[in-house]
């Protein structure tokens, strides 16, 4: 099949006037930090077979390399002791670019400790803020002015709105790894089935559902920190969701309640869930000796926006 001619003019109506461009169905989005999740299984038998002094040397090398990454200026790296059979160690990196993520990944691979780690899975994404409300508001304003979708004036107005939102939401676009005790990570899709297809629903209805979805999350403000990252074109699912909290039961309550809203009940598909306890780099030796991390998170301050994902 031949490639479409992208230079073709829009089809004309009977009177010869070009057809109007449809209102865009895609909401405006903002993209920020690059994110990499790595899940490892420790080869415990091989690790325990090493002499004590060798284990100490390998651990000291890893701590020395990971310590500056923990407070990296571009967002940081955090370690988590994983629960369940899906792995033993989860490492999360926030950086300003994919190049930064690649450097973090390659840095870990050069450690002697890596000889005793098998990666079980990984996930690549970019922090994403969906702007359904702003998109719908802007489309309404431009329609009232008679601005045609896709026109230079329309595109300029979109970019102006995006820049306004980038400035206002910079802390959410470029976060540091939150300092909470527990992490719940999972990927998800929106359904594209024959009956329920998120991508065939009007942008107005999708905006309404996402607004209602967000109202549930606001009730958990101060209890959970949510970071949504987009992964379309980067990984096997469409979004990655990180939930950080100091009480793991909050994950269960929040996710369960959200499954009853329309956006989740009809259109959400979920991947595997990964749960971890925060592991300060300095305590890596304890984990490798079979000790649960001892971590006391700093006191939580309520966020003025009232949203868990703020």
Protein backbone atom coordinates (compact mmCIF):
# COMPACT_ATOMS: atom_id res chain seq x y z
CA UNK A 1 0.00 0.00 0.00
CA UNK A 2 1.43 3.37 -0.97
CA UNK A 3 2.12 6.03 1.62
CA UNK A 4 -0.50 8.81 1.96
CA UNK A 5 0.23 12.13 0.32
CA UNK A 6 0.59 14.45 3.30
CA UNK A 7 0.63 17.48 1.03
CA UNK A 8 -2.94 16.93 -0.16
CA UNK A 9 -5.39 19.74 0.43
CA UNK A 10 -8.47 19.09 2.59
CA UNK A 11 -11.47 17.68 0.75
CA UNK A 12 -13.87 20.33 -0.52
CA UNK A 13 -17.60 20.66 0.02
CA UNK A 14 -19.98 20.97 -2.94
CA UNK A 15 -19.58 24.76 -2.96
CA UNK A 16 -15.81 24.45 -3.29
CA UNK A 17 -14.92 25.58 0.27
CA UNK A 18 -12.34 23.40 2.08
CA UNK A 19 -13.71 21.19 4.85
CA UNK A 20 -13.15 22.54 8.34
CA UNK A 21 -10.56 20.74 10.44
CA UNK A 22 -12.13 18.70 13.26
CA UNK A 23 -11.60 19.81 16.85
CA UNK A 24 -8.55 17.86 18.15
CA UNK A 25 -9.46 14.74 20.10
CA UNK A 26 -6.09 14.61 21.86
CA UNK A 27 -5.84 16.58 25.12
CA UNK A 28 -2.87 18.84 25.67
CA UNK A 29 -0.20 17.28 27.87
CA UNK A 30 2.94 18.44 29.62
CA UNK A 31 6.03 16.23 29.77
CA UNK A 32 8.73 16.40 32.39
CA UNK A 33 11.22 14.10 34.09
CA UNK A 34 12.40 10.90 32.45
CA UNK A 35 11.76 7.90 34.71
CA UNK A 36 13.28 4.41 34.85
CA UNK A 37 12.14 1.59 37.13
CA UNK A 38 14.43 -1.43 37.48
CA UNK A 39 13.45 -4.60 39.33
CA UNK A 40 16.19 -7.04 40.31
CA UNK A 41 16.36 -10.50 41.81
CA UNK A 42 19.37 -11.14 44.04
CA UNK A 43 21.15 -14.43 43.43
CA UNK A 44 21.25 -15.23 47.11
CA UNK A 45 23.03 -18.58 46.84
CA UNK A 46 25.93 -17.09 44.88
CA UNK A 47 26.04 -14.04 47.15
CA UNK A 48 26.17 -16.07 50.36
CA UNK A 49 28.89 -18.25 48.83
CA UNK A 50 31.32 -15.31 48.82
CA UNK A 51 33.80 -14.75 51.63
CA UNK A 52 32.73 -12.14 54.21
CA UNK A 53 35.48 -9.71 53.23
CA UNK A 54 34.54 -9.93 49.53
CA UNK A 55 30.90 -9.20 50.30
CA UNK A 56 31.98 -6.20 52.36
CA UNK A 57 34.15 -4.88 49.51
CA UNK A 58 31.40 -5.26 46.93
CA UNK A 59 28.84 -3.64 49.21
CA UNK A 60 31.14 -0.72 50.01
CA UNK A 61 31.76 -0.12 46.29
CA UNK A 62 28.01 -0.13 45.57
CA UNK A 63 27.22 2.27 48.43
CA UNK A 64 29.96 4.67 47.32
CA UNK A 65 28.56 4.70 43.76
CA UNK A 66 24.87 4.92 44.73
CA UNK A 67 25.17 7.52 47.47
CA UNK A 68 25.58 10.54 45.13
CA UNK A 69 22.77 9.21 42.92
CA UNK A 70 20.35 9.19 45.85
CA UNK A 71 20.47 13.00 45.96
CA UNK A 72 21.11 13.57 42.25
CA UNK A 73 20.24 17.13 41.25
CA UNK A 74 18.00 15.96 38.38
CA UNK A 75 15.54 14.12 40.62
CA UNK A 76 17.40 11.39 42.43
CA UNK A 77 17.61 7.62 42.65
CA UNK A 78 15.81 5.58 45.27
CA UNK A 79 16.13 1.94 46.32
CA UNK A 80 13.26 -0.19 47.62
CA UNK A 81 13.25 -3.64 49.17
CA UNK A 82 10.63 -5.50 47.14
CA UNK A 83 7.91 -7.71 48.56
CA UNK A 84 6.86 -10.90 46.80
CA UNK A 85 8.30 -13.17 44.15
CA UNK A 86 8.68 -10.53 41.41
CA UNK A 87 12.05 -9.39 42.70
CA UNK A 88 14.13 -8.38 45.69
CA UNK A 89 15.29 -4.87 44.83
CA UNK A 90 13.53 -2.04 42.99
CA UNK A 91 15.55 0.96 41.84
CA UNK A 92 13.80 4.13 40.63
CA UNK A 93 15.61 6.92 38.78
CA UNK A 94 14.28 10.41 37.97
CA UNK A 95 16.41 12.35 35.49
CA UNK A 96 16.08 15.28 33.07
CA UNK A 97 16.61 13.16 29.96
CA UNK A 98 16.82 9.63 28.61
CA UNK A 99 20.56 10.17 28.44
CA UNK A 100 20.57 10.68 32.19
CA UNK A 101 18.58 7.49 32.69
CA UNK A 102 20.96 5.57 30.46
CA UNK A 103 23.94 6.83 32.43
CA UNK A 104 22.33 5.70 35.70
CA UNK A 105 21.54 2.30 34.20
CA UNK A 106 25.05 1.84 32.81
CA UNK A 107 26.56 2.98 36.10
CA UNK A 108 24.77 0.22 37.97
CA UNK A 109 25.84 -2.35 35.41
CA UNK A 110 29.51 -1.55 36.06
CA UNK A 111 29.32 -2.40 39.77
CA UNK A 112 30.64 -5.73 40.99
CA UNK A 113 27.29 -6.15 42.73
CA UNK A 114 25.61 -6.41 39.33
CA UNK A 115 27.20 -9.86 38.93
CA UNK A 116 24.76 -11.02 41.61
CA UNK A 117 21.66 -9.22 40.32
CA UNK A 118 19.29 -10.52 37.66
CA UNK A 119 16.91 -7.92 36.26
CA UNK A 120 13.33 -9.22 36.20
CA UNK A 121 11.76 -6.27 34.43
CA UNK A 122 12.11 -2.54 33.85
CA UNK A 123 9.92 0.37 32.82
CA UNK A 124 10.71 3.56 30.88
CA UNK A 125 8.40 6.59 30.96
CA UNK A 126 8.19 10.37 31.20
CA UNK A 127 6.30 12.33 33.85
CA UNK A 128 3.05 13.43 32.20
CA UNK A 129 0.36 15.90 33.23
CA UNK A 130 -2.86 15.62 31.25
CA UNK A 131 -4.65 18.91 30.70
CA UNK A 132 -8.22 17.89 29.87
CA UNK A 133 -9.81 20.84 31.67
CA UNK A 134 -7.44 23.39 30.13
CA UNK A 135 -7.83 21.81 26.68
CA UNK A 136 -11.63 21.96 26.77
CA UNK A 137 -11.59 25.53 28.09
CA UNK A 138 -9.19 26.65 25.37
CA UNK A 139 -11.17 24.91 22.62
CA UNK A 140 -14.33 26.66 23.78
CA UNK A 141 -12.59 30.06 23.86
CA UNK A 142 -11.15 29.61 20.37
CA UNK A 143 -14.47 28.39 18.96
CA UNK A 144 -16.20 31.52 20.30
CA UNK A 145 -13.61 33.63 18.48
CA UNK A 146 -14.14 31.70 15.27
CA UNK A 147 -10.58 30.36 15.22
CA UNK A 148 -10.29 27.28 13.00
CA UNK A 149 -8.79 24.11 14.52
CA UNK A 150 -5.32 23.45 13.17
CA UNK A 151 -4.81 27.03 11.99
CA UNK A 152 -1.61 28.92 12.92
CA UNK A 153 -3.64 31.02 15.36
CA UNK A 154 -5.04 27.86 16.99
CA UNK A 155 -1.59 26.30 17.31
CA UNK A 156 -0.12 29.50 18.75
CA UNK A 157 -2.88 29.63 21.36
CA UNK A 158 -2.20 26.02 22.34
CA UNK A 159 1.52 26.67 22.76
CA UNK A 160 0.83 29.78 24.81
CA UNK A 161 -1.46 27.79 27.11
CA UNK A 162 1.10 25.01 27.41
CA UNK A 163 3.83 27.46 28.38
CA UNK A 164 1.60 29.00 31.04
CA UNK A 165 0.96 25.55 32.49
CA UNK A 166 4.64 24.56 32.30
CA UNK A 167 5.55 27.52 34.47
CA UNK A 168 2.74 26.90 36.93
CA UNK A 169 3.34 23.14 37.23
CA UNK A 170 7.14 22.99 37.11
CA UNK A 171 7.47 21.32 40.55
CA UNK A 172 5.12 18.54 39.45
CA UNK A 173 6.84 18.12 36.09
CA UNK A 174 10.33 17.84 37.56
CA UNK A 175 9.89 16.10 40.93
CA UNK A 176 12.43 14.51 43.18
CA UNK A 177 11.75 10.96 44.32
CA UNK A 178 9.26 11.43 47.18
CA UNK A 179 10.68 10.48 50.60
CA UNK A 180 7.82 8.19 51.68
CA UNK A 181 8.32 4.77 53.24
CA UNK A 182 6.40 2.67 50.71
CA UNK A 183 6.09 2.61 46.93
CA UNK A 184 3.40 1.01 44.79
CA UNK A 185 4.14 0.98 41.06
CA UNK A 186 2.00 -0.39 38.24
CA UNK A 187 1.53 0.18 34.51
CA UNK A 188 -1.89 0.63 32.90
CA UNK A 189 -3.71 1.10 29.60
CA UNK A 190 -7.01 2.53 28.48
CA UNK A 191 -9.19 -0.08 26.73
CA UNK A 192 -9.48 -0.15 22.96
CA UNK A 193 -12.06 -2.94 22.76
CA UNK A 194 -14.98 -3.39 20.41
CA UNK A 195 -17.47 -2.25 23.08
CA UNK A 196 -15.47 0.06 25.34
CA UNK A 197 -12.86 2.09 23.49
CA UNK A 198 -11.45 5.08 25.35
CA UNK A 199 -10.03 6.53 22.16
CA UNK A 200 -13.41 6.69 20.43
CA UNK A 201 -15.06 8.63 23.28
CA UNK A 202 -15.44 12.38 22.78
CA UNK A 203 -12.86 14.60 24.43
CA UNK A 204 -15.65 16.26 26.45
CA UNK A 205 -16.80 12.93 27.92
CA UNK A 206 -13.22 11.84 28.60
CA UNK A 207 -12.59 15.15 30.33
CA UNK A 208 -15.67 14.67 32.51
CA UNK A 209 -14.59 11.15 33.49
CA UNK A 210 -11.06 12.25 34.31
CA UNK A 211 -12.40 15.10 36.43
CA UNK A 212 -14.57 12.68 38.42
CA UNK A 213 -11.62 10.30 38.69
CA UNK A 214 -9.47 13.09 40.11
CA UNK A 215 -12.08 14.04 42.70
CA UNK A 216 -11.62 10.65 44.36
CA UNK A 217 -7.88 11.19 44.55
CA UNK A 218 -8.31 14.55 46.23
CA UNK A 219 -9.84 12.83 49.24
CA UNK A 220 -6.45 11.18 49.82
CA UNK A 221 -4.50 14.44 49.85
CA UNK A 222 -1.74 14.32 52.45
CA UNK A 223 -1.83 10.51 52.57
CA UNK A 224 -0.41 9.57 49.18
CA UNK A 225 1.82 11.18 46.56
CA UNK A 226 0.97 10.17 43.00
CA UNK A 227 3.21 10.55 39.96
CA UNK A 228 1.81 9.62 36.55
CA UNK A 229 4.24 9.00 33.71
CA UNK A 230 3.44 8.46 30.05
CA UNK A 231 5.01 5.53 28.22
CA UNK A 232 3.26 5.36 24.84
CA UNK A 233 6.06 4.60 22.38
CA UNK A 234 8.52 3.95 25.22
CA UNK A 235 7.31 0.74 26.86
CA UNK A 236 4.65 -1.98 26.68
CA UNK A 237 1.89 -0.08 28.50
CA UNK A 238 0.52 3.44 28.04
CA UNK A 239 1.14 4.88 31.51
CA UNK A 240 3.09 4.10 34.64
CA UNK A 241 1.66 4.99 38.04
CA UNK A 242 3.79 5.56 41.15
CA UNK A 243 2.07 5.89 44.52
CA UNK A 244 4.18 6.87 47.52
CA UNK A 245 2.81 6.69 51.07
CA UNK A 246 3.83 6.04 54.65
CA UNK A 247 0.93 3.63 55.21
CA UNK A 248 0.68 0.86 52.58
CA UNK A 249 -3.03 0.31 53.26
CA UNK A 250 -3.65 3.65 51.55
CA UNK A 251 -2.72 2.01 48.22
CA UNK A 252 -5.40 -0.64 48.62
CA UNK A 253 -8.09 1.83 49.66
CA UNK A 254 -7.35 4.40 46.97
CA UNK A 255 -7.07 1.95 44.07
CA UNK A 256 -10.15 0.02 45.19
CA UNK A 257 -12.26 3.16 45.43
CA UNK A 258 -11.08 4.45 42.07
CA UNK A 259 -12.11 1.21 40.34
CA UNK A 260 -15.74 2.13 40.91
CA UNK A 261 -15.60 5.31 38.86
CA UNK A 262 -16.53 5.28 35.18
CA UNK A 263 -13.03 5.92 33.81
CA UNK A 264 -11.62 2.86 35.60
CA UNK A 265 -14.65 0.54 35.64
CA UNK A 266 -15.21 0.73 31.89
CA UNK A 267 -11.88 1.73 30.39
CA UNK A 268 -8.90 0.79 32.59
CA UNK A 269 -6.55 -2.17 32.20
CA UNK A 270 -3.87 -2.79 34.82
CA UNK A 271 -0.52 -4.52 34.62
CA UNK A 272 1.49 -6.12 37.42
CA UNK A 273 1.80 -4.34 40.76
CA UNK A 274 5.15 -3.87 42.50
CA UNK A 275 5.44 -2.99 46.21
CA UNK A 276 8.58 -1.90 48.02
CA UNK A 277 9.91 -0.51 51.31
CA UNK A 278 12.28 2.44 51.09
CA UNK A 279 15.90 1.35 51.40
CA UNK A 280 18.38 4.12 52.19
CA UNK A 281 21.59 3.49 50.24
CA UNK A 282 23.56 3.44 53.49
CA UNK A 283 21.54 0.38 54.57
CA UNK A 284 22.25 -1.66 51.45
CA UNK A 285 24.59 -3.90 53.43
CA UNK A 286 21.76 -4.71 55.81
CA UNK A 287 19.48 -5.79 52.98
CA UNK A 288 22.24 -7.98 51.54
CA UNK A 289 22.54 -9.57 54.99
CA UNK A 290 18.82 -10.31 55.14
CA UNK A 291 17.64 -7.34 57.23
CA UNK A 292 14.48 -5.33 56.60
CA UNK A 293 15.23 -1.63 56.01
CA UNK A 294 14.79 0.75 58.91
CA UNK A 295 13.53 3.99 57.46
CA UNK A 296 11.74 6.87 59.15
CA UNK A 297 10.28 9.28 56.61
CA UNK A 298 10.26 13.03 57.29
CA UNK A 299 6.98 14.51 58.55
CA UNK A 300 4.42 14.98 55.79
CA UNK A 301 3.12 18.44 55.01
CA UNK A 302 -0.32 18.81 53.37
CA UNK A 303 -0.20 20.10 49.82
CA UNK A 304 -2.25 23.26 49.18
CA UNK A 305 -3.71 21.84 45.96
CA UNK A 306 -5.48 19.09 47.86
CA UNK A 307 -4.47 16.48 45.28
CA UNK A 308 -2.49 13.32 46.01
CA UNK A 309 -0.64 13.69 42.74
CA UNK A 310 0.45 17.28 43.33
